[in-house]
Structure formats: structure tokens, C-alpha cells
Amino acid sequence: MAARLQHEEGAERAEHVRDRRERLGPAGPDGSGQLKFLHKASFIAWFALMTVHVLGHALEVPSLALPDWRRGAGREAQLAGAGLRLALLGTGLVAGLGLALATISLADPWLSASFG
């Protein structure tokens, strides 16, 4: 009797998961449909707008960044907070690398679905 109840509960849970996936769209790399298309389209739009934004500021970067890197020009030539910006840049790079290394195993299903 108890085994039958467990089996029925397991079947109900599996049906609930299937229903939820159908309502929410693709739940993983093997999903397809409108949600996946919208995700790809929004990424392309974001990338295009971000590129225009970055290129629009590209000419400003040298005049803003170079004073932070010049050591021979004296303290007054460096912008306020240059050390903090450099420390935050280094911390961000190290944290990003650590997060990438810690989660690389999670990418396997996605890579297998795309290239396998």
C-alpha cells in the first residue's frame, strides 16, 4: 500500500514538472519555441545597442584613463580615486575568473546540446 502511494506521488510530481515546463517554455538547452527565439532576439538587440554605446564613448577613454596610469606625472596629474579603481578592476577580474572556474562544470549540458 505504501509503495503504491509513493508511486502515485512520484507520477503526480512528474506530471506537475511536465505541466510546468510546458507553461514556462524551454527549461534547458534542449528547449525550443517562442521563448528561445525571444531570448536570442533580445540578446542580438542588446549587443547591437551596447556596441553603439561603447563605440560612442571610445574617443573619450584615452583622455580619461591615461592620467590614472602615468606615474611620472606626479600625484596631482592622477585623478582622484585612481588606486581604488585599479583595485576594483583587479578584484573584479579575479572574482570573475574564480566564478568561471567554479561553475564550468555546469556548462557541460549546454555545450553537449550545442556541439554534440
Protein backbone atom coordinates (compact mmCIF):
# COMPACT_ATOMS: atom_id res chain seq x y z
CA MET A 1 0.00 0.00 0.00
CA ALA A 2 2.75 2.45 0.95
CA ALA A 3 4.75 1.60 -2.17
CA ARG A 4 1.67 2.25 -4.32
CA LEU A 5 1.18 5.67 -2.68
CA GLN A 6 4.82 6.54 -3.30
CA HIS A 7 4.49 5.53 -6.94
CA GLU A 8 1.35 7.65 -7.37
CA GLU A 9 3.03 10.64 -5.69
CA GLY A 10 6.04 10.24 -7.99
CA ALA A 11 3.79 10.11 -11.05
CA GLU A 12 1.90 13.22 -9.89
CA ARG A 13 5.18 15.05 -9.33
CA ALA A 14 6.47 14.10 -12.80
CA GLU A 15 3.20 15.29 -14.37
CA HIS A 16 3.44 18.56 -12.43
CA VAL A 17 7.00 19.12 -13.67
CA ARG A 18 5.94 18.40 -17.28
CA ASP A 19 2.99 20.82 -17.00
CA ARG A 20 5.22 23.50 -15.51
CA ARG A 21 7.81 23.14 -18.30
CA GLU A 22 5.11 23.45 -20.94
CA ARG A 23 3.78 26.63 -19.34
CA LEU A 24 7.19 28.24 -18.78
CA GLY A 25 8.77 27.34 -22.10
CA PRO A 26 12.23 25.86 -22.53
CA ALA A 27 13.79 24.91 -19.23
CA GLY A 28 17.18 23.98 -20.57
CA PRO A 29 19.40 23.69 -23.60
CA ASP A 30 17.07 21.24 -25.36
CA GLY A 31 14.12 23.65 -25.26
CA SER A 32 12.74 25.32 -28.32
CA GLY A 33 9.97 27.67 -29.23
CA GLN A 34 8.97 31.27 -28.92
CA LEU A 35 10.76 31.94 -25.62
CA LYS A 36 14.06 30.74 -27.06
CA PHE A 37 13.57 32.94 -30.15
CA LEU A 38 12.76 35.97 -27.97
CA HIS A 39 15.84 35.31 -25.85
CA LYS A 40 18.09 35.21 -28.92
CA ALA A 41 16.47 38.29 -30.46
CA SER A 42 16.79 40.29 -27.24
CA PHE A 43 20.47 39.33 -26.98
CA ILE A 44 21.13 40.48 -30.54
CA ALA A 45 19.33 43.79 -29.88
CA TRP A 46 21.22 44.29 -26.60
CA PHE A 47 24.55 43.54 -28.27
CA ALA A 48 23.88 46.00 -31.11
CA LEU A 49 22.86 48.81 -28.72
CA MET A 50 25.78 48.11 -26.37
CA THR A 51 28.21 48.22 -29.31
CA VAL A 52 26.88 51.61 -30.43
CA HIS A 53 27.15 52.90 -26.85
CA VAL A 54 30.72 51.68 -26.35
CA LEU A 55 31.90 52.98 -29.72
CA GLY A 56 30.27 56.32 -28.94
CA HIS A 57 32.49 56.69 -25.88
CA ALA A 58 35.66 55.20 -27.39
CA LEU A 59 37.26 58.57 -28.14
CA GLU A 60 36.79 59.76 -24.55
CA VAL A 61 38.60 56.81 -22.97
CA PRO A 62 42.25 57.76 -23.58
CA SER A 63 41.91 61.23 -22.06
CA LEU A 64 40.12 59.80 -19.00
CA ALA A 65 42.22 56.68 -18.45
CA LEU A 66 45.77 57.80 -19.18
CA PRO A 67 46.17 60.07 -16.12
CA ASP A 68 45.47 57.02 -13.89
CA TRP A 69 48.39 55.11 -15.46
CA ARG A 70 51.02 57.88 -15.59
CA ARG A 71 53.37 57.54 -12.66
CA GLY A 72 55.96 60.13 -13.66
CA ALA A 73 53.46 63.00 -13.91
CA GLY A 74 53.09 63.34 -10.12
CA ARG A 75 50.17 62.88 -7.77
CA GLU A 76 48.35 65.99 -8.98
CA ALA A 77 48.17 64.59 -12.53
CA GLN A 78 46.38 61.44 -11.35
CA LEU A 79 42.63 61.59 -10.97
CA ALA A 80 41.11 61.15 -7.52
CA GLY A 81 40.33 57.52 -6.76
CA ALA A 82 42.78 56.04 -9.27
CA GLY A 83 44.06 53.47 -6.76
CA LEU A 84 40.55 52.41 -5.81
CA ARG A 85 39.57 51.99 -9.46
CA LEU A 86 42.65 49.85 -10.11
CA ALA A 87 41.93 47.72 -7.02
CA LEU A 88 38.29 47.25 -8.06
CA LEU A 89 39.35 46.28 -11.58
CA GLY A 90 41.75 43.65 -10.25
CA THR A 91 39.21 42.35 -7.74
CA GLY A 92 36.55 42.07 -10.44
CA LEU A 93 38.86 40.16 -12.75
CA VAL A 94 39.91 37.73 -10.03
CA ALA A 95 36.30 37.22 -8.86
CA GLY A 96 35.13 36.63 -12.43
CA LEU A 97 37.85 34.10 -13.07
CA GLY A 98 37.05 32.32 -9.80
CA LEU A 99 33.33 32.20 -10.61
CA ALA A 100 34.04 30.89 -14.10
CA LEU A 101 36.29 28.13 -12.76
CA ALA A 102 33.81 27.21 -10.02
CA THR A 103 30.87 26.88 -12.42
CA ILE A 104 32.49 25.50 -15.58
CA SER A 105 31.08 22.03 -14.91
CA LEU A 106 27.55 23.45 -15.14
CA ALA A 107 28.14 24.35 -18.80
CA ASP A 108 28.52 20.72 -19.92
CA PRO A 109 24.81 20.08 -20.73
CA TRP A 110 24.66 23.31 -22.72
CA LEU A 111 27.83 22.56 -24.67
CA SER A 112 26.77 18.97 -25.34
CA ALA A 113 23.41 20.15 -26.66
CA SER A 114 25.01 22.74 -28.93
CA PHE A 115 28.01 20.86 -30.29
CA GLY A 116 27.40 17.21 -29.52
